Amino acid sequence: MIFVRRSLYLVGLVLVLGACSGSATTASAPLMSTAAEAQFEDAPTPEPRLDTSRIVSLGGDMTELIYELGLGDSLVGIDVTTVGPPAAMELPSVGIARFLAPEGVLAVSPTLVLADTDTEPPTALQQLRDAGVAVEIFETPTTFEEYFTKIADLAALLGVESEGQQLIERLRQEIDDIISGTADWEQTPRALYLYTRGPGTLLLFGEGMTTHALIEGAGATDVGTESGVSGFINVTPEALVAAAPDVIIVPSEGLADIGGIDGLLEIPGIAETPAGKNRAILDYPQGDFLTMGPRVPASLQLLIQDLQALQDQ
């Protein structure tokens, strides 16, 4: 038996040596075709998956969307614009996204920071990147379609595409139902969005702002857009009177800063508008009207109800 095994071993060794010897004089068949080799070489290298274990959200709408997508447990920090859900309010605040200081963000040891194009200054974001933190910036949506795109992009980034698609479908259906269920206005409301955080800050919003989508979604005329405003401008008393809004919408926080409706009517030009004369002033929290989170359908529904109530007076 030992002899047989050795013989088989020797036979195998001879065959192997013969094959090696032949390869020196005979071209061997290629392991891969040239075309396949080229395809393999050109194939993109998969990007490493982002570490989403410790997320900082620099936007209230972003925070709420993260919870809706089922990743709330990954959040370790928020900015001051976050107003919900309750679990988020227990997290450390890292500052104000519009005046970001990197130290507050780095203090919570994030692996990923989510911001939008309104986050400033760019140097702060670069400092976070230089510290080894991944920073992803999203376009600020100003239309419903851009809103849905942001949700899809956020879900894809976080690896929850299916949950993102389900959320988009639900929100789209809710918004469509609200708009289609709104009765025709006897007289189309002429609404103007006025941003104020005190007498020294008075901005007229127009096209390209989140407020435009909500006002037009409610079936009203956006007076700022009608006046040719793109983005926002400092408003003058003459411009307010010329715009002639019959409804003025302001942030609740700003209205409180100037002493309520009475304080608003003291601002030159406002009392002379149809809205001022009738005290047709609506106010909503900035988080409900200046950002697009999962509460957009509720904000739209409330605006329609309030506009209807003003017309019924």
Protein backbone atom coordinates (compact mmCIF):
# COMPACT_ATOMS: atom_id res chain seq x y z
CA MET A 1 0.00 0.00 0.00
CA ILE A 2 2.85 2.35 0.78
CA PHE A 3 4.40 1.61 -2.64
CA VAL A 4 1.14 2.30 -4.43
CA ARG A 5 0.72 5.67 -2.76
CA ARG A 6 4.27 6.66 -3.58
CA SER A 7 3.78 5.59 -7.18
CA LEU A 8 0.66 7.65 -7.52
CA TYR A 9 2.47 10.58 -6.00
CA LEU A 10 5.31 10.26 -8.50
CA VAL A 11 2.92 10.00 -11.42
CA GLY A 12 1.15 13.16 -10.30
CA LEU A 13 4.42 14.97 -9.85
CA VAL A 14 5.54 14.04 -13.37
CA LEU A 15 2.26 15.35 -14.82
CA VAL A 16 2.60 18.63 -12.96
CA LEU A 17 6.20 19.09 -14.06
CA GLY A 18 5.28 18.24 -17.62
CA ALA A 19 2.54 20.86 -17.61
CA CYS A 20 4.93 23.47 -16.22
CA SER A 21 7.55 22.54 -18.80
CA GLY A 22 4.98 22.83 -21.57
CA SER A 23 3.91 26.24 -20.40
CA ALA A 24 7.39 27.52 -21.08
CA THR A 25 7.09 26.69 -24.78
CA THR A 26 3.32 26.79 -25.37
CA ALA A 27 1.11 29.86 -24.83
CA SER A 28 -1.44 29.13 -22.14
CA ALA A 29 -5.11 30.14 -22.50
CA PRO A 30 -5.86 33.51 -20.87
CA LEU A 31 -7.79 33.38 -17.61
CA MET A 32 -9.98 36.32 -18.69
CA SER A 33 -10.85 37.83 -22.05
CA THR A 34 -9.48 41.28 -22.88
CA ALA A 35 -12.98 42.73 -22.87
CA ALA A 36 -13.72 41.22 -19.47
CA GLU A 37 -10.43 42.55 -18.11
CA ALA A 38 -11.30 46.06 -19.33
CA GLN A 39 -14.75 45.84 -17.80
CA PHE A 40 -13.27 44.72 -14.49
CA GLU A 41 -10.73 47.55 -14.50
CA ASP A 42 -13.37 50.18 -15.34
CA ALA A 43 -15.83 49.02 -12.69
CA PRO A 44 -16.35 51.78 -10.09
CA THR A 45 -15.03 51.14 -6.63
CA PRO A 46 -17.98 50.97 -4.20
CA GLU A 47 -18.03 53.95 -1.88
CA PRO A 48 -17.69 53.08 1.80
CA ARG A 49 -21.00 53.14 3.63
CA LEU A 50 -21.48 56.14 5.90
CA ASP A 51 -21.35 55.53 9.61
CA THR A 52 -24.82 56.58 10.76
CA SER A 53 -24.41 55.45 14.35
CA ARG A 54 -24.09 59.01 15.74
CA ILE A 55 -25.98 61.65 13.76
CA VAL A 56 -26.24 65.38 14.37
CA SER A 57 -29.18 67.11 12.68
CA LEU A 58 -28.81 70.81 11.90
CA GLY A 59 -32.46 71.43 11.08
CA GLY A 60 -35.80 70.87 12.76
CA ASP A 61 -37.33 69.41 9.60
CA MET A 62 -34.34 67.08 9.20
CA THR A 63 -34.71 65.89 12.79
CA GLU A 64 -38.38 65.03 12.36
CA LEU A 65 -37.75 63.26 9.05
CA ILE A 66 -35.03 61.14 10.65
CA TYR A 67 -37.50 59.99 13.29
CA GLU A 68 -40.13 59.29 10.63
CA LEU A 69 -37.59 57.12 8.80
CA GLY A 70 -37.02 55.08 11.97
CA LEU A 71 -33.51 56.29 12.82
CA GLY A 72 -34.24 58.52 15.79
CA ASP A 73 -32.10 56.35 18.06
CA SER A 74 -29.04 57.31 16.00
CA LEU A 75 -29.41 61.02 16.76
CA VAL A 76 -26.98 62.43 19.31
CA GLY A 77 -27.44 66.18 18.73
CA ILE A 78 -29.85 68.76 17.31
CA ASP A 79 -29.86 72.48 16.57
CA VAL A 80 -32.20 75.01 18.15
CA THR A 81 -34.75 74.85 15.32
CA THR A 82 -35.80 71.36 16.41
CA VAL A 83 -39.16 71.49 18.19
CA GLY A 84 -40.08 67.81 18.16
CA PRO A 85 -40.71 64.99 18.58
CA PRO A 86 -40.45 64.88 22.39
CA ALA A 87 -37.60 62.36 22.32
CA ALA A 88 -35.50 64.77 20.26
CA MET A 89 -35.92 67.52 22.81
CA GLU A 90 -33.96 65.43 25.31
CA LEU A 91 -30.87 65.53 23.08
CA PRO A 92 -28.03 68.05 23.43
CA SER A 93 -28.38 71.22 21.38
CA VAL A 94 -25.23 71.92 19.37
CA GLY A 95 -26.11 75.53 18.56
CA ILE A 96 -27.73 77.42 15.70
CA ALA A 97 -27.24 76.08 12.18
CA ARG A 98 -27.34 79.58 10.67
CA PHE A 99 -24.43 80.63 12.91
CA LEU A 100 -22.73 77.29 13.42
CA ALA A 101 -19.78 76.84 15.76
CA PRO A 102 -18.01 73.50 15.18
CA GLU A 103 -17.07 73.09 18.84
CA GLY A 104 -20.66 72.41 19.87
CA VAL A 105 -21.05 69.75 17.20
CA LEU A 106 -17.75 68.03 17.91
CA ALA A 107 -18.60 67.89 21.62
CA VAL A 108 -21.12 65.08 20.97
CA SER A 109 -18.65 63.01 18.88
CA PRO A 110 -20.78 62.61 15.74
CA THR A 111 -20.00 60.27 12.86
CA LEU A 112 -22.34 62.14 10.49
CA VAL A 113 -23.66 65.70 10.34
CA LEU A 114 -26.75 66.48 8.25
CA ALA A 115 -27.17 70.10 7.16
CA ASP A 116 -28.89 72.13 4.46
CA THR A 117 -27.77 74.88 2.12
CA ASP A 118 -28.77 77.55 4.64
CA THR A 119 -26.19 76.34 7.18
CA GLU A 120 -23.46 78.91 7.77
CA PRO A 121 -20.58 79.58 7.78
CA PRO A 122 -18.93 77.21 5.26
CA THR A 123 -15.71 77.35 7.29
CA ALA A 124 -17.47 75.68 10.22
CA LEU A 125 -18.59 72.81 8.01
CA GLN A 126 -15.06 72.45 6.65
CA GLN A 127 -13.68 72.32 10.18
CA LEU A 128 -15.99 69.39 10.88
CA ARG A 129 -14.73 67.60 7.78
CA ASP A 130 -11.13 68.33 8.76
CA ALA A 131 -11.87 66.68 12.10
CA GLY A 132 -12.88 63.49 10.26
CA VAL A 133 -16.66 63.92 10.51
CA ALA A 134 -18.78 63.18 7.44
CA VAL A 135 -20.93 66.19 6.49
CA GLU A 136 -23.83 65.88 4.05
CA ILE A 137 -25.63 68.99 2.80
CA PHE A 138 -29.14 68.96 1.33
CA GLU A 139 -30.85 71.54 -0.85
CA THR A 140 -33.50 73.51 1.05
CA PRO A 141 -36.82 72.59 -0.62
CA THR A 142 -39.14 75.38 -1.74
CA THR A 143 -41.70 73.28 -3.63
CA PHE A 144 -43.54 70.10 -2.78
CA GLU A 145 -41.61 68.14 -5.44
CA GLU A 146 -38.30 69.35 -4.03
CA TYR A 147 -39.61 68.31 -0.61
CA PHE A 148 -40.24 64.76 -1.82
CA THR A 149 -36.82 64.67 -3.49
CA LYS A 150 -35.13 65.66 -0.24
CA ILE A 151 -36.86 62.84 1.62
CA ALA A 152 -35.79 60.33 -1.05
CA ASP A 153 -32.19 61.58 -0.95
CA LEU A 154 -32.09 61.48 2.85
CA ALA A 155 -33.52 57.96 2.94
CA ALA A 156 -31.01 56.75 0.34
CA LEU A 157 -28.11 58.27 2.28
CA LEU A 158 -29.24 56.57 5.49
CA GLY A 159 -29.87 53.23 3.78
CA VAL A 160 -33.65 53.17 4.33
CA GLU A 161 -34.91 53.67 0.78
CA SER A 162 -38.06 51.59 1.30
CA GLU A 163 -39.10 53.57 4.37
CA GLY A 164 -38.42 56.78 2.47
CA GLN A 165 -40.63 55.76 -0.43
CA GLN A 166 -43.45 54.83 1.93
CA LEU A 167 -43.17 58.20 3.68
CA ILE A 168 -43.21 60.07 0.36
CA GLU A 169 -46.27 58.20 -0.83
CA ARG A 170 -48.12 58.95 2.41
CA LEU A 171 -47.22 62.65 2.48
CA ARG A 172 -47.97 63.11 -1.23
CA GLN A 173 -51.40 61.53 -0.81
CA GLU A 174 -52.20 63.66 2.24
CA ILE A 175 -51.20 66.88 0.46
CA ASP A 176 -53.13 65.94 -2.70
CA ASP A 177 -56.23 65.12 -0.64
CA ILE A 178 -56.05 68.46 1.20
CA ILE A 179 -55.64 70.49 -1.98
CA SER A 180 -58.32 68.64 -3.93
CA GLY A 181 -60.72 68.83 -0.99
CA THR A 182 -60.45 72.59 -0.64
CA ALA A 183 -63.58 74.40 -1.77
CA ASP A 184 -63.24 77.17 -4.33
CA TRP A 185 -62.79 80.56 -2.69
CA GLU A 186 -65.53 83.13 -3.15
CA GLN A 187 -62.68 85.59 -3.38
CA THR A 188 -59.11 84.32 -3.66
CA PRO A 189 -57.20 85.35 -0.53
CA ARG A 190 -54.24 87.64 -1.13
CA ALA A 191 -51.68 86.49 1.43
CA LEU A 192 -48.35 88.10 2.21
CA TYR A 193 -45.68 86.43 4.33
CA LEU A 194 -43.82 88.94 6.46
CA TYR A 195 -40.83 87.73 8.41
CA THR A 196 -40.12 89.74 11.51
CA ARG A 197 -38.07 89.21 14.64
CA GLY A 198 -38.50 92.75 15.93
CA PRO A 199 -39.14 96.20 14.46
CA GLY A 200 -35.67 96.26 12.92
CA THR A 201 -36.16 93.04 10.92
CA LEU A 202 -38.97 93.14 8.37
CA LEU A 203 -38.64 90.93 5.31
CA LEU A 204 -41.12 90.27 2.52
CA PHE A 205 -40.96 86.68 1.24
CA GLY A 206 -41.74 85.72 -2.35
CA GLU A 207 -40.98 83.07 -4.95
CA GLY A 208 -38.34 80.52 -4.05
CA MET A 209 -39.30 80.39 -0.38
CA THR A 210 -41.04 77.57 1.49
CA THR A 211 -43.89 79.93 2.29
CA HIS A 212 -44.72 80.26 -1.42
CA ALA A 213 -45.52 76.53 -1.72
CA LEU A 214 -47.85 76.59 1.28
CA ILE A 215 -49.67 79.80 0.29
CA GLU A 216 -50.29 78.64 -3.27
CA GLY A 217 -51.08 75.11 -2.06
CA ALA A 218 -53.89 76.67 -0.03
CA GLY A 219 -55.28 78.22 -3.21
CA ALA A 220 -54.32 81.76 -2.19
CA THR A 221 -52.32 84.35 -4.10
CA ASP A 222 -48.77 84.86 -2.84
CA VAL A 223 -48.61 88.66 -2.86
CA GLY A 224 -44.83 88.66 -2.54
CA THR A 225 -44.45 86.57 -5.68
CA GLU A 226 -47.09 88.64 -7.46
CA SER A 227 -45.02 91.73 -6.64
CA GLY A 228 -42.00 90.18 -8.34
CA VAL A 229 -40.09 89.25 -5.20
CA SER A 230 -37.68 86.35 -5.56
CA GLY A 231 -36.41 85.09 -2.26
CA PHE A 232 -36.88 87.93 0.23
CA ILE A 233 -36.38 91.68 0.39
CA ASN A 234 -36.41 94.39 3.02
CA VAL A 235 -39.88 95.85 2.88
CA THR A 236 -40.86 99.51 2.95
CA PRO A 237 -44.17 101.03 4.10
CA GLU A 238 -44.87 102.08 0.50
CA ALA A 239 -44.33 98.53 -0.76
CA LEU A 240 -46.69 97.13 1.86
CA VAL A 241 -49.47 99.54 0.93
CA ALA A 242 -48.95 98.91 -2.80
CA ALA A 243 -49.06 95.11 -2.31
CA ALA A 244 -52.48 95.45 -0.65
CA PRO A 245 -52.62 92.05 1.05
CA ASP A 246 -55.88 91.09 2.69
CA VAL A 247 -54.05 88.57 4.91
CA ILE A 248 -50.61 88.95 6.50
CA ILE A 249 -48.82 85.84 7.79
CA VAL A 250 -45.99 86.18 10.31
CA PRO A 251 -43.91 83.84 12.48
CA SER A 252 -45.37 83.40 15.96
CA GLU A 253 -41.96 84.05 17.51
CA GLY A 254 -41.63 87.36 15.66
CA LEU A 255 -45.14 88.46 16.51
CA ALA A 256 -44.43 87.90 20.20
CA ASP A 257 -41.22 89.93 19.91
CA ILE A 258 -43.07 93.02 18.68
CA GLY A 259 -45.97 92.89 21.12
CA GLY A 260 -48.60 90.89 19.24
CA ILE A 261 -50.98 92.20 16.60
CA ASP A 262 -51.16 95.65 18.20
CA GLY A 263 -47.39 95.95 17.98
CA LEU A 264 -47.41 94.74 14.35
CA LEU A 265 -49.99 97.38 13.39
CA GLU A 266 -47.69 100.08 14.72
CA ILE A 267 -45.13 99.25 12.01
CA PRO A 268 -45.49 101.91 9.27
CA GLY A 269 -47.55 100.74 6.32
CA ILE A 270 -49.21 97.70 7.86
CA ALA A 271 -52.24 99.44 9.32
CA GLU A 272 -52.97 100.95 5.88
CA THR A 273 -53.26 97.53 4.16
CA PRO A 274 -56.61 95.70 3.91
CA ALA A 275 -55.13 93.05 6.23
CA GLY A 276 -54.16 95.66 8.79
CA LYS A 277 -57.51 97.42 8.68
CA ASN A 278 -59.32 94.11 9.32
CA ARG A 279 -56.70 92.73 11.74
CA ALA A 280 -56.42 89.74 9.40
CA ILE A 281 -53.12 88.53 10.82
CA LEU A 282 -52.19 84.84 10.98
CA ASP A 283 -49.17 83.54 12.84
CA TYR A 284 -47.50 80.14 12.83
CA PRO A 285 -44.32 78.78 14.46
CA GLN A 286 -41.29 79.01 12.22
CA GLY A 287 -40.86 75.25 12.37
CA ASP A 288 -44.30 74.80 10.83
CA PHE A 289 -44.06 77.35 8.05
CA LEU A 290 -40.43 78.00 7.18
CA THR A 291 -39.25 74.39 6.88
CA MET A 292 -40.59 71.28 5.20
CA GLY A 293 -40.76 68.36 7.58
CA PRO A 294 -43.36 65.62 8.03
CA ARG A 295 -45.89 68.16 9.40
CA VAL A 296 -46.31 69.92 6.04
CA PRO A 297 -49.79 68.44 5.43
CA ALA A 298 -50.96 69.58 8.87
CA SER A 299 -49.55 73.09 8.30
CA LEU A 300 -51.28 73.32 4.93
CA GLN A 301 -54.59 72.14 6.37
CA LEU A 302 -54.41 74.66 9.21
CA LEU A 303 -53.64 77.53 6.83
CA ILE A 304 -56.66 76.69 4.69
CA GLN A 305 -58.92 76.51 7.74
CA ASP A 306 -57.67 79.86 9.03
CA LEU A 307 -58.07 81.55 5.64
CA GLN A 308 -61.61 80.21 5.44
CA ALA A 309 -62.38 81.48 8.94
CA LEU A 310 -61.22 84.97 7.95
CA GLN A 311 -63.47 84.99 4.90
CA ASP A 312 -66.42 83.79 6.97
CA GLN A 313 -66.13 86.71 9.40
